[in-house]
Protein backbone atom coordinates (compact mmCIF):
# COMPACT_ATOMS: atom_id res chain seq x y z
CA MET A 1 0.00 0.00 0.00
CA LYS A 2 1.33 3.43 -0.92
CA LEU A 3 1.93 6.03 1.77
CA PHE A 4 -0.79 8.35 0.50
CA ASP A 5 -3.28 5.46 0.24
CA PHE A 6 -2.51 4.48 3.84
CA GLN A 7 -2.93 8.05 5.04
CA GLU A 8 -6.23 8.34 3.18
CA GLU A 9 -7.50 5.10 4.73
CA GLU A 10 -6.51 6.23 8.22
CA GLN A 11 -8.23 9.57 7.66
CA LEU A 12 -11.40 7.82 6.50
CA LYS A 13 -11.39 5.73 9.67
CA LYS A 14 -11.22 8.89 11.79
CA GLU A 15 -14.01 10.58 9.83
CA ALA A 16 -16.27 7.53 9.67
CA PRO A 17 -19.58 7.69 11.56
CA LEU A 18 -19.47 6.63 15.19
CA ALA A 19 -21.48 3.49 14.39
CA VAL A 20 -18.76 2.38 11.96
CA ARG A 21 -15.87 3.27 14.27
CA MET A 22 -17.43 1.37 17.19
CA ARG A 23 -18.18 -1.74 15.17
CA PRO A 24 -16.84 -4.77 17.13
CA VAL A 25 -13.73 -6.37 15.67
CA ASN A 26 -14.17 -9.76 17.38
CA LEU A 27 -16.86 -11.85 19.04
CA SER A 28 -15.79 -10.82 22.54
CA GLU A 29 -16.76 -7.22 21.74
CA PHE A 30 -20.06 -8.20 20.14
CA VAL A 31 -23.15 -7.30 22.18
CA GLY A 32 -26.36 -9.28 21.94
CA GLN A 33 -27.57 -12.35 20.02
CA GLU A 34 -26.35 -14.74 22.74
CA HIS A 35 -28.72 -17.38 21.35
CA LEU A 36 -26.51 -17.47 18.24
CA ILE A 37 -22.98 -16.60 19.33
CA GLY A 38 -23.00 -17.30 23.03
CA PRO A 39 -20.50 -19.85 24.42
CA ASP A 40 -20.84 -23.27 22.77
CA LYS A 41 -23.49 -22.05 20.30
CA PRO A 42 -23.20 -23.65 16.83
CA LEU A 43 -22.75 -20.38 14.90
CA ARG A 44 -19.97 -19.20 17.22
CA LYS A 45 -18.20 -22.54 16.94
CA ALA A 46 -18.46 -22.43 13.14
CA ILE A 47 -17.05 -18.89 13.02
CA GLU A 48 -14.17 -19.61 15.38
CA ALA A 49 -13.31 -22.88 13.64
CA ASP A 50 -13.55 -21.18 10.23
CA HIS A 51 -15.94 -23.89 9.01
CA LEU A 52 -18.92 -21.72 8.16
CA PRO A 53 -21.65 -23.11 5.88
CA SER A 54 -23.74 -20.86 3.65
CA ILE A 55 -25.99 -18.82 5.94
CA ILE A 56 -28.68 -16.17 5.89
CA LEU A 57 -28.65 -13.62 8.71
CA TRP A 58 -32.21 -12.36 9.16
CA GLY A 59 -32.99 -9.57 11.58
CA PRO A 60 -34.10 -5.95 12.00
CA PRO A 61 -31.80 -2.99 11.26
CA GLY A 62 -28.99 -2.52 13.76
CA SER A 63 -29.17 -6.03 15.20
CA GLY A 64 -25.62 -6.99 14.14
CA LYS A 65 -25.88 -8.70 10.73
CA THR A 66 -23.18 -6.64 8.99
CA THR A 67 -21.06 -6.63 12.14
CA LEU A 68 -21.08 -10.43 12.27
CA ALA A 69 -20.05 -10.53 8.63
CA SER A 70 -17.24 -8.07 9.38
CA ILE A 71 -15.99 -10.25 12.25
CA ILE A 72 -16.09 -13.32 10.01
CA SER A 73 -14.01 -11.45 7.42
CA ARG A 74 -11.31 -10.91 10.08
CA VAL A 75 -11.09 -14.49 11.35
CA THR A 76 -11.62 -16.53 8.19
CA ARG A 77 -8.81 -17.94 6.08
CA SER A 78 -11.18 -17.77 3.11
CA TYR A 79 -11.13 -14.85 0.72
CA PHE A 80 -13.88 -12.47 1.79
CA SER A 81 -15.79 -10.74 -1.02
CA PRO A 82 -18.50 -8.29 0.13
CA VAL A 83 -21.12 -6.78 -2.19
CA SER A 84 -24.29 -4.77 -1.74
CA ALA A 85 -27.43 -6.00 -3.45
CA VAL A 86 -28.33 -2.36 -4.07
CA SER A 87 -25.49 -1.84 -6.54
CA ALA A 88 -24.25 -5.30 -7.61
CA GLY A 89 -25.51 -6.96 -10.77
CA VAL A 90 -25.29 -10.38 -12.41
CA ASN A 91 -21.98 -9.49 -14.12
CA ASP A 92 -20.44 -8.58 -10.75
CA LEU A 93 -21.52 -11.93 -9.34
CA ARG A 94 -20.13 -13.81 -12.30
CA ASN A 95 -16.78 -12.05 -11.92
CA ILE A 96 -16.65 -13.01 -8.25
CA VAL A 97 -17.47 -16.62 -9.11
CA ASP A 98 -14.77 -16.71 -11.84
CA GLU A 99 -12.18 -15.36 -9.40
CA ALA A 100 -13.35 -17.84 -6.75
CA LYS A 101 -12.80 -20.73 -9.18
CA LYS A 102 -9.24 -19.54 -9.96
CA ARG A 103 -8.46 -18.99 -6.29
CA ARG A 104 -9.71 -22.44 -5.43
CA GLY A 105 -7.68 -24.06 -8.21
CA LEU A 106 -4.41 -22.17 -7.62
CA TYR A 107 -4.35 -21.77 -3.84
CA GLN A 108 -7.05 -24.19 -2.59
CA GLN A 109 -8.60 -21.11 -0.92
CA LYS A 110 -12.35 -20.85 -0.44
CA THR A 111 -14.31 -17.66 -1.11
CA ILE A 112 -16.97 -16.20 1.16
CA LEU A 113 -19.46 -14.02 -0.70
CA PHE A 114 -21.23 -11.58 1.62
CA ILE A 115 -24.37 -10.02 0.11
CA ASP A 116 -25.82 -7.20 2.16
CA GLU A 117 -29.58 -6.68 1.70
CA ILE A 118 -29.84 -9.89 -0.30
CA HIS A 119 -33.63 -9.49 -0.40
CA ARG A 120 -33.07 -6.80 -3.05
CA PHE A 121 -31.68 -9.39 -5.48
CA ASN A 122 -34.23 -10.59 -8.02
CA ARG A 123 -34.68 -14.23 -9.02
CA THR A 124 -32.21 -13.97 -11.92
CA GLN A 125 -29.49 -12.62 -9.64
CA GLN A 126 -30.14 -15.29 -7.01
CA ASP A 127 -30.17 -18.02 -9.65
CA ALA A 128 -26.79 -16.79 -10.92
CA ILE A 129 -25.04 -17.86 -7.70
CA LEU A 130 -27.15 -20.92 -6.89
CA PRO A 131 -24.98 -23.55 -8.66
CA TYR A 132 -21.81 -22.23 -7.04
CA VAL A 133 -23.32 -22.22 -3.56
CA GLU A 134 -24.46 -25.78 -4.20
CA ASN A 135 -21.08 -27.08 -5.38
CA GLY A 136 -19.09 -25.15 -2.76
CA THR A 137 -17.29 -22.75 -5.10
CA ILE A 138 -18.49 -19.98 -2.82
CA THR A 139 -19.83 -19.84 0.72
CA LEU A 140 -22.73 -17.42 0.90
CA ILE A 141 -23.50 -15.06 3.77
CA GLY A 142 -26.67 -13.10 3.07
CA ALA A 143 -27.98 -10.33 5.31
CA THR A 144 -31.63 -9.30 5.16
CA THR A 145 -34.27 -7.43 7.12
CA GLU A 146 -37.03 -9.23 5.22
CA ASN A 147 -38.47 -12.70 5.77
CA PRO A 148 -36.27 -15.08 3.74
CA SER A 149 -39.30 -17.30 3.08
CA PHE A 150 -40.73 -14.55 0.88
CA GLU A 151 -37.65 -12.79 -0.49
CA ILE A 152 -35.17 -15.60 -1.22
CA THR A 153 -35.85 -18.29 -3.80
CA SER A 154 -36.64 -21.73 -2.44
CA PRO A 155 -33.67 -23.47 -4.14
CA LEU A 156 -31.18 -20.97 -2.71
CA LEU A 157 -32.85 -20.92 0.70
CA SER A 158 -32.74 -24.71 0.93
CA ARG A 159 -28.95 -24.60 0.63
CA CYS A 160 -28.49 -22.10 3.45
CA HIS A 161 -28.90 -22.13 7.22
CA VAL A 162 -31.12 -19.26 8.39
CA PHE A 163 -30.13 -17.55 11.65
CA THR A 164 -32.63 -15.10 13.14
CA LEU A 165 -31.27 -12.06 14.96
CA ASN A 166 -33.46 -10.32 17.55
CA PRO A 167 -33.81 -6.58 18.19
CA LEU A 168 -31.32 -5.56 20.86
CA THR A 169 -32.71 -5.12 24.36
CA LYS A 170 -32.64 -1.81 26.22
CA GLU A 171 -29.84 -3.13 28.42
CA GLN A 172 -27.76 -4.10 25.39
CA ILE A 173 -28.26 -0.71 23.71
CA TYR A 174 -27.35 0.99 27.00
CA LEU A 175 -24.10 -1.01 27.15
CA ILE A 176 -23.20 -0.10 23.56
CA LEU A 177 -23.76 3.61 24.26
CA LYS A 178 -21.68 3.44 27.44
CA GLN A 179 -18.82 1.82 25.52
CA ALA A 180 -18.96 4.57 22.89
CA LEU A 181 -18.90 7.30 25.55
CA GLN A 182 -15.89 5.75 27.31
CA ASN A 183 -13.78 4.63 24.33
CA ASN A 184 -10.94 7.11 23.74
CA GLU A 185 -9.68 5.66 20.47
CA ARG A 186 -12.79 4.86 18.44
CA GLY A 187 -15.51 6.47 20.52
CA LEU A 188 -16.31 9.77 22.24
CA GLY A 189 -14.17 9.35 25.35
CA LYS A 190 -11.91 12.31 24.57
CA LEU A 191 -14.89 14.65 24.30
CA GLU A 192 -15.72 14.12 27.98
CA ILE A 193 -19.46 14.13 27.50
CA GLU A 194 -21.74 13.07 30.32
CA LEU A 195 -25.36 12.24 29.61
CA GLU A 196 -27.81 12.54 32.46
CA GLY A 197 -29.61 9.28 33.24
CA ASP A 198 -32.94 10.21 31.71
CA ALA A 199 -31.21 11.60 28.60
CA LEU A 200 -29.41 8.31 28.00
CA ASP A 201 -32.61 6.38 28.69
CA PHE A 202 -34.40 8.49 26.11
CA ILE A 203 -31.83 7.64 23.44
CA VAL A 204 -32.14 3.97 24.30
CA VAL A 205 -35.92 4.11 23.87
CA MET A 206 -35.75 6.15 20.66
CA SER A 207 -33.30 3.69 19.10
CA GLY A 208 -35.97 1.01 18.87
CA GLY A 209 -33.47 -1.79 19.47
CA ASP A 210 -31.25 -0.57 16.61
CA ALA A 211 -27.60 -0.17 17.68
CA ARG A 212 -26.69 1.85 14.59
CA ASN A 213 -29.57 4.23 15.18
CA ALA A 214 -28.61 4.61 18.87
CA LEU A 215 -24.99 5.48 18.01
CA ASN A 216 -26.09 7.90 15.29
CA ILE A 217 -28.31 9.73 17.79
CA LEU A 218 -25.50 9.80 20.36
CA GLU A 219 -23.08 11.20 17.80
CA MET A 220 -25.49 13.94 16.79
CA VAL A 221 -26.17 14.84 20.42
CA SER A 222 -22.45 14.93 21.23
CA ALA A 223 -21.70 17.17 18.25
CA THR A 224 -24.35 19.62 19.41
CA ALA A 225 -23.15 19.56 23.02
CA THR A 226 -19.50 20.29 22.16
CA ALA A 227 -20.07 22.80 19.40
CA ASP A 228 -19.56 25.88 21.58
CA SER A 229 -17.43 24.61 24.43
CA ARG A 230 -14.34 22.52 25.19
CA GLU A 231 -15.28 21.94 28.81
CA LYS A 232 -16.85 18.72 30.03
CA GLN A 233 -20.48 18.80 28.98
CA LYS A 234 -23.53 17.47 30.77
CA VAL A 235 -26.33 16.70 28.35
CA SER A 236 -29.90 16.88 29.63
CA LEU A 237 -33.05 15.18 28.40
CA SER A 238 -34.38 18.45 26.96
CA GLN A 239 -31.19 18.88 24.90
CA VAL A 240 -31.54 15.38 23.49
CA GLU A 241 -35.21 15.96 22.65
CA GLU A 242 -34.40 19.26 20.97
CA THR A 243 -31.62 17.68 18.93
CA LEU A 244 -33.56 14.60 17.96
CA GLN A 245 -36.80 16.41 17.06
CA HIS A 246 -38.51 13.31 15.66
CA ARG A 247 -38.04 9.59 16.03
CA THR A 248 -37.59 7.51 12.88
CA LEU A 249 -39.74 4.42 13.20
CA PHE A 250 -38.69 1.10 11.73
CA TYR A 251 -41.50 0.33 9.33
CA ASP A 252 -41.41 -0.93 5.75
CA LYS A 253 -44.68 -0.31 3.94
CA THR A 254 -43.95 -3.12 1.48
CA GLY A 255 -42.11 -5.55 3.76
CA GLU A 256 -42.85 -8.02 6.51
CA GLN A 257 -43.18 -5.33 9.20
CA HIS A 258 -46.13 -3.94 7.26
CA TYR A 259 -47.90 -7.32 7.21
CA ASN A 260 -46.99 -8.19 10.80
CA ILE A 261 -48.49 -4.99 12.20
CA ILE A 262 -51.67 -5.07 10.13
CA SER A 263 -52.08 -8.68 11.27
CA ALA A 264 -51.61 -7.56 14.89
CA LEU A 265 -54.27 -4.87 14.41
CA HIS A 266 -56.74 -7.32 12.86
CA LYS A 267 -56.25 -9.91 15.59
CA SER A 268 -56.43 -7.32 18.37
CA LEU A 269 -59.75 -6.12 16.94
CA ARG A 270 -60.99 -9.70 16.74
CA GLY A 271 -59.92 -10.16 20.35
CA SER A 272 -62.03 -7.12 21.37
CA ASP A 273 -58.98 -5.28 22.75
CA PRO A 274 -59.41 -1.55 22.02
CA ASP A 275 -56.10 -0.55 23.65
CA ALA A 276 -53.94 -2.92 21.62
CA SER A 277 -55.93 -2.07 18.50
CA LEU A 278 -55.26 1.64 18.96
CA TYR A 279 -51.56 0.97 19.59
CA TRP A 280 -51.08 -0.97 16.34
CA LEU A 281 -53.07 1.65 14.47
CA GLY A 282 -50.76 4.34 15.86
CA ARG A 283 -47.66 2.34 14.94
CA MET A 284 -48.76 2.35 11.32
CA LEU A 285 -50.04 5.91 11.08
CA GLU A 286 -47.07 7.52 12.83
CA ALA A 287 -44.68 5.60 10.56
CA GLY A 288 -46.41 6.99 7.47
CA GLU A 289 -48.65 4.12 6.40
CA ASP A 290 -51.28 4.97 3.79
CA PRO A 291 -54.43 5.70 5.84
CA LEU A 292 -56.65 4.45 3.02
CA TYR A 293 -54.93 1.08 3.17
CA ILE A 294 -55.84 0.90 6.86
CA ALA A 295 -59.40 2.02 6.09
CA ARG A 296 -59.75 -0.77 3.52
CA ARG A 297 -58.58 -3.31 6.06
CA LEU A 298 -61.09 -2.01 8.62
CA VAL A 299 -63.92 -2.34 6.11
CA ARG A 300 -62.89 -5.93 5.51
CA PHE A 301 -62.81 -6.57 9.25
CA ALA A 302 -66.30 -5.11 9.68
CA THR A 303 -67.68 -7.66 7.22
CA GLU A 304 -65.48 -10.64 8.09
CA ASP A 305 -65.46 -10.57 11.89
CA ILE A 306 -68.58 -8.59 12.81
CA GLY A 307 -71.00 -8.84 9.91
CA VAL A 308 -74.65 -8.51 10.83
CA ALA A 309 -73.94 -8.99 14.52
CA ASP A 310 -73.62 -5.20 14.28
CA PRO A 311 -74.49 -3.92 10.78
CA GLN A 312 -73.49 -0.42 11.91
CA ALA A 313 -69.82 -1.51 11.88
CA LEU A 314 -69.70 -1.38 8.08
CA VAL A 315 -71.33 2.05 8.12
CA ILE A 316 -68.77 3.34 10.63
CA THR A 317 -65.78 2.08 8.63
CA ILE A 318 -67.07 3.51 5.36
CA ALA A 319 -67.64 6.82 7.16
CA ALA A 320 -64.03 6.73 8.39
CA GLN A 321 -62.82 6.12 4.84
CA GLN A 322 -64.86 9.07 3.61
CA ALA A 323 -63.52 11.25 6.43
CA ILE A 324 -59.96 10.46 5.31
CA HIS A 325 -60.87 11.61 1.81
CA PHE A 326 -62.59 14.72 3.13
CA ILE A 327 -60.10 16.09 5.67
CA GLY A 328 -56.94 14.11 4.92
CA MET A 329 -54.11 13.53 7.38
CA PRO A 330 -53.15 14.06 10.13
CA GLU A 331 -56.65 15.19 11.12
CA GLY A 332 -58.15 11.98 9.74
CA ASN A 333 -56.30 9.86 12.26
CA LEU A 334 -59.10 10.33 14.81
CA ALA A 335 -61.69 9.04 12.35
CA LEU A 336 -59.68 5.83 12.04
CA ALA A 337 -59.18 5.71 15.80
CA GLU A 338 -62.94 6.05 16.35
CA ALA A 339 -63.61 3.26 13.86
CA VAL A 340 -61.01 1.02 15.54
CA ILE A 341 -62.56 1.53 18.98
CA TYR A 342 -66.03 0.80 17.59
CA LEU A 343 -64.89 -2.38 15.86
CA ALA A 344 -62.95 -3.62 18.89
CA THR A 345 -65.94 -3.19 21.20
CA ALA A 346 -68.61 -4.45 18.78
CA PRO A 347 -70.15 -7.95 19.09
CA LYS A 348 -68.24 -10.41 16.90
CA SER A 349 -69.48 -12.92 14.35
CA ASN A 350 -67.91 -14.58 11.32
CA SER A 351 -71.23 -15.94 10.06
CA VAL A 352 -71.16 -13.78 6.92
CA TYR A 353 -67.63 -14.95 6.14
CA GLN A 354 -68.50 -18.61 6.65
CA ALA A 355 -71.73 -18.32 4.66
CA TYR A 356 -70.08 -16.76 1.64
CA SER A 357 -67.19 -19.27 1.78
CA LYS A 358 -69.76 -22.08 1.43
CA VAL A 359 -71.39 -20.23 -1.46
CA GLN A 360 -68.05 -19.90 -3.24
CA GLU A 361 -67.45 -23.62 -2.81
CA ASP A 362 -70.79 -24.55 -4.32
CA VAL A 363 -70.47 -22.07 -7.19
CA VAL A 364 -67.09 -23.55 -8.10
CA ASN A 365 -67.96 -27.21 -7.58
CA THR A 366 -71.46 -27.37 -9.12
CA ARG A 367 -72.59 -26.62 -12.63
CA GLY A 368 -74.46 -23.41 -13.34
CA GLU A 369 -77.90 -24.55 -12.23
CA PRO A 370 -80.88 -23.00 -14.03
CA VAL A 371 -83.11 -20.61 -12.12
CA PRO A 372 -86.37 -22.35 -11.06
CA LEU A 373 -89.19 -21.37 -13.41
CA HIS A 374 -91.39 -19.86 -10.69
CA LEU A 375 -88.60 -17.35 -9.86
CA ARG A 376 -88.27 -16.10 -13.43
CA ASN A 377 -90.09 -13.01 -14.71
CA ALA A 378 -92.46 -13.65 -17.60
CA VAL A 379 -91.76 -10.52 -19.62
CA THR A 380 -93.18 -11.99 -22.88
CA SER A 381 -96.17 -14.19 -23.67
CA LEU A 382 -93.84 -16.98 -24.79
CA MET A 383 -92.14 -16.97 -21.42
CA LYS A 384 -95.48 -17.10 -19.66
CA ASN A 385 -96.66 -19.98 -21.82
CA ILE A 386 -93.65 -22.13 -20.95
CA GLY A 387 -94.11 -21.55 -17.24
CA TYR A 388 -92.05 -18.55 -16.29
CA GLY A 389 -93.36 -17.19 -12.97
CA LYS A 390 -95.91 -19.97 -12.54
CA GLY A 391 -96.48 -20.90 -8.90
CA TYR A 392 -94.56 -17.95 -7.47
CA LYS A 393 -95.81 -16.94 -4.01
CA TYR A 394 -95.84 -13.22 -3.26
CA ALA A 395 -94.54 -12.89 0.34
CA HIS A 396 -96.51 -9.73 1.11
CA ASP A 397 -99.78 -11.61 0.65
CA TYR A 398 -99.01 -13.84 3.62
CA GLU A 399 -99.09 -13.36 7.36
CA GLY A 400 -95.88 -11.84 8.63
CA HIS A 401 -94.88 -11.15 5.01
CA TYR A 402 -93.29 -14.58 4.86
CA VAL A 403 -94.06 -17.70 2.88
CA LYS A 404 -92.12 -20.92 2.38
CA GLN A 405 -91.14 -21.78 -1.16
CA GLN A 406 -88.15 -23.21 -2.98
CA ASN A 407 -85.78 -20.41 -4.00
CA MET A 408 -82.73 -22.58 -4.75
CA PRO A 409 -82.01 -24.80 -7.76
CA ASP A 410 -83.21 -28.38 -7.31
CA ILE A 411 -79.72 -29.77 -6.72
CA LEU A 412 -79.17 -27.32 -3.85
CA LYS A 413 -82.70 -27.00 -2.49
CA ASN A 414 -81.75 -28.23 1.01
CA ARG A 415 -78.46 -26.35 1.21
CA HIS A 416 -78.01 -23.85 4.10
CA TYR A 417 -75.24 -21.27 4.13
CA TYR A 418 -76.04 -18.70 6.79
CA SER A 419 -76.13 -19.68 10.45
CA PRO A 420 -76.51 -16.61 12.67
CA GLY A 421 -74.68 -16.45 15.96
CA ASN A 422 -75.91 -15.38 19.39
CA GLN A 423 -74.18 -11.99 19.52
CA GLY A 424 -75.67 -8.55 18.94
CA TYR A 425 -78.21 -8.12 16.17
CA GLU A 426 -77.66 -11.70 14.98
CA LYS A 427 -79.45 -12.97 18.04
CA GLU A 428 -82.58 -11.18 16.82
CA ILE A 429 -82.04 -12.52 13.29
CA LYS A 430 -81.72 -16.05 14.63
CA GLU A 431 -85.02 -15.77 16.52
CA ARG A 432 -86.77 -14.39 13.44
CA LEU A 433 -85.47 -17.19 11.21
CA GLU A 434 -86.62 -19.77 13.75
CA VAL A 435 -90.12 -18.29 13.75
CA TRP A 436 -90.23 -18.35 9.96
CA SER A 437 -88.85 -21.88 9.85
CA ASN A 438 -91.61 -23.13 12.14
CA SER A 439 -94.44 -21.17 10.56
CA ILE A 440 -97.32 -22.94 8.78
CA GLU A 441 -98.91 -21.51 5.70
CA GLN A 442 -102.49 -20.77 6.59
CA ASN A 443 -103.71 -18.70 3.74
CA LYS A 444 -103.02 -19.98 0.25
CA LYS A 445 -105.92 -18.29 -1.51
CA PHE A 446 -103.71 -15.32 -2.36
CA ASP A 447 -101.12 -17.44 -4.19
CA ARG A 448 -100.13 -15.70 -7.38
CA GLN A 449 -99.58 -17.54 -10.61
């Protein structure tokens, strides 16, 4: 390495963000994920023995995926080739594979290919490396924040071990921040900054279990605190709040987090828990989720899990959707909140859902049955002559405005789809249907032909 290149590299290290400078260089410095790299854990043993299989590291931002890959690059005897799925293409992958083949043939050296954000690779890109992962030309380490089951092709996934990283706990984030404040070489030790207890706690909470985010906040706070003074600085909670202004929430509107939270909202509503329902609603809205998407999901819930147990639920959700259109956001958040509270506290029934599911099954599995003649309108004399409308009973001519007659095709005449429950308005419907079912036709003289 030339002198000027060395000096440039050293300068870059000094100017790198705090999160990069404080990145652990070995497993003893690594904080968190004890279920993976604790003493005697299989992944730790594989790393230390330099016998790592192809793996996928799946976890939220700031949980240590890239750091683990960096540590592996330091301890492995294999050639370490890192790429980012954001910028790498198929040609880049092919070049790496070609070099890996040569390296293996000339020096019997293996190649580890680290792909950051591997979920951004399309099927063609993933297929390009599949044969070489399979035959051992390369050992793959993929890092992703998205569920590998959805984002990585089945053939490639079947050849990798998936390790799930958890969000860091508050205690672990606190330890990482303390290390950064005390480290004189890579951290902020020389700045002599002291954060008051509640200020440090606030950073820990705002980080959301993301070590990188926590260190970025700490670095920004420290820069503000030392801007006008060289004396030891005490940083208060109010200073941190003023510097931070707004918390960045981890939420991907097209990724698994999106589906996990909407699922949590739906199931909290079904469980009649207004508090949890409001919380998950807030998580989505405050992270910038499309309010109309939420409104659509609430409409679906009103029909699927409440139905006619409380017909007003559908009215309320449609009104919330219209309110979003009318006043927009953020004012429309209360309309959604009102709808969520109503749905959570409404009587529940899935009778509509079950009934229509049975209908769908019969429509698919039976032929298109003809409409019974007595239910057809005789709009021409020919139709009347061949029996259209003959024998139809006009319900309003009978007591209670109800009369028994066959309204289904012959093949389905005894089929029942709707079974009302015992909650809310459905209880009244059930009683009414029972009365009708047991009624006896007493007056047939008004039958209409």
